[in-house]
Amino acid sequence: MIFRRRRQRSTVPSGFYRFEGGQRQTVYGFGEGDYIRLRDEFGNVWTGHAEKQGDNTTRFSFRDSEGNIINGISEGGGILLRDEHGNTWRGFVD
C-alpha cells in the first residue's frame, strides 16, 4: 500500500492586525495566510510571516527596510511582539 503525504493547511489567522506599544506607538496592517504586512505611525513598512508551532502557538517575525527586526509569539487570543531594544507591543487579529 502506498501512502501519500497530505498537505497541511496553515491555520494562521488572516485579517487585520493591530498592535499598540507602551508609549502609544501603533503598528497595524493586513495578513493573508502566513504573509503579513504592517505599517507603523512613522510610515515604515514591516513585512513578515507567521509560523504555526505544534503546541497551539504561532511565532511572528517582521523586518523593515532599515533591517530592524520584531519577533513575537501568540498563544490563543493575544499577540506579544518585542524588538531588539526591548520595546513590546501587544495586539490582536480582527
Protein backbone atom coordinates (compact mmCIF):
# COMPACT_ATOMS: atom_id res chain seq x y z
CA MET A 1 0.00 0.00 0.00
CA ILE A 2 1.33 3.43 -0.95
CA PHE A 3 0.74 6.35 1.34
CA ARG A 4 0.70 9.96 0.21
CA ARG A 5 1.55 12.81 2.45
CA ARG A 6 -1.35 15.15 2.90
CA ARG A 7 -0.70 18.80 2.58
CA GLN A 8 -1.32 20.54 5.87
CA ARG A 9 -3.21 23.79 5.64
CA SER A 10 -1.88 26.74 7.54
CA THR A 11 -4.25 27.79 10.30
CA VAL A 12 -2.54 31.12 10.88
CA PRO A 13 -5.25 33.77 11.34
CA SER A 14 -5.77 36.11 8.38
CA GLY A 15 -7.24 39.58 8.76
CA PHE A 16 -6.43 42.96 10.26
CA TYR A 17 -3.54 43.07 12.74
CA ARG A 18 -3.31 45.89 15.29
CA PHE A 19 -0.58 46.37 17.91
CA GLU A 20 -0.04 49.08 20.49
CA GLY A 21 3.22 49.84 22.30
CA GLY A 22 3.92 51.35 25.69
CA GLN A 23 4.20 54.96 24.51
CA ARG A 24 1.04 54.86 22.36
CA GLN A 25 3.02 53.58 19.38
CA THR A 26 0.81 51.75 16.89
CA VAL A 27 1.57 49.16 14.24
CA TYR A 28 -1.26 47.91 12.02
CA GLY A 29 -1.82 46.09 8.76
CA PHE A 30 -3.24 43.08 6.95
CA GLY A 31 -2.20 39.49 6.74
CA GLU A 32 -3.20 36.70 4.40
CA GLY A 33 -2.16 33.21 5.43
CA ASP A 34 1.38 33.30 6.75
CA TYR A 35 2.38 36.59 4.96
CA ILE A 36 1.79 39.81 6.93
CA ARG A 37 2.45 43.45 6.04
CA LEU A 38 2.32 46.14 8.76
CA ARG A 39 2.80 49.92 8.85
CA ASP A 40 3.80 51.96 11.89
CA GLU A 41 2.93 55.55 12.81
CA PHE A 42 6.06 56.86 11.02
CA GLY A 43 5.11 55.20 7.72
CA ASN A 44 7.69 52.40 7.91
CA VAL A 45 6.55 49.15 6.30
CA TRP A 46 7.19 45.91 8.19
CA THR A 47 6.95 42.68 6.22
CA GLY A 48 6.92 39.34 7.91
CA HIS A 49 5.49 35.92 8.32
CA ALA A 50 3.72 33.78 10.85
CA GLU A 51 4.72 30.19 11.55
CA LYS A 52 2.38 27.78 13.28
CA GLN A 53 4.06 25.71 16.00
CA GLY A 54 2.94 22.29 17.14
CA ASP A 55 1.70 23.27 20.60
CA ASN A 56 -1.06 25.75 19.62
CA THR A 57 1.32 28.71 19.43
CA THR A 58 2.26 30.94 16.50
CA ARG A 59 5.62 32.66 16.05
CA PHE A 60 5.76 36.02 14.26
CA SER A 61 8.80 37.67 12.69
CA PHE A 62 8.88 41.09 10.98
CA ARG A 63 11.60 43.15 9.29
CA ASP A 64 11.60 46.71 7.96
CA SER A 65 13.66 48.29 5.15
CA GLU A 66 16.32 49.51 7.63
CA GLY A 67 17.00 45.98 8.92
CA ASN A 68 15.17 46.31 12.25
CA ILE A 69 13.56 43.10 13.50
CA ILE A 70 10.46 42.45 15.62
CA ASN A 71 9.70 38.93 16.88
CA GLY A 72 6.73 37.66 18.80
CA ILE A 73 4.50 34.83 19.87
CA SER A 74 0.80 34.17 20.21
CA GLU A 75 -0.99 31.68 22.41
CA GLY A 76 -4.67 31.80 21.63
CA GLY A 77 -6.15 35.30 21.61
CA GLY A 78 -3.41 37.90 22.07
CA ILE A 79 -0.09 38.51 20.37
CA LEU A 80 3.05 39.82 22.09
CA LEU A 81 5.87 41.35 19.99
CA ARG A 82 9.31 42.53 21.12
CA ASP A 83 12.00 44.41 19.20
CA GLU A 84 15.80 44.43 19.56
CA HIS A 85 15.66 47.36 22.02
CA GLY A 86 13.26 45.63 24.42
CA ASN A 87 10.12 47.58 23.44
CA THR A 88 6.97 45.49 23.49
CA TRP A 89 3.71 45.65 21.56
CA ARG A 90 0.51 43.85 22.43
CA GLY A 91 -2.12 43.21 19.85
CA PHE A 92 -4.74 41.01 18.24
CA VAL A 93 -6.12 39.86 14.90
CA ASP A 94 -9.53 41.16 13.94
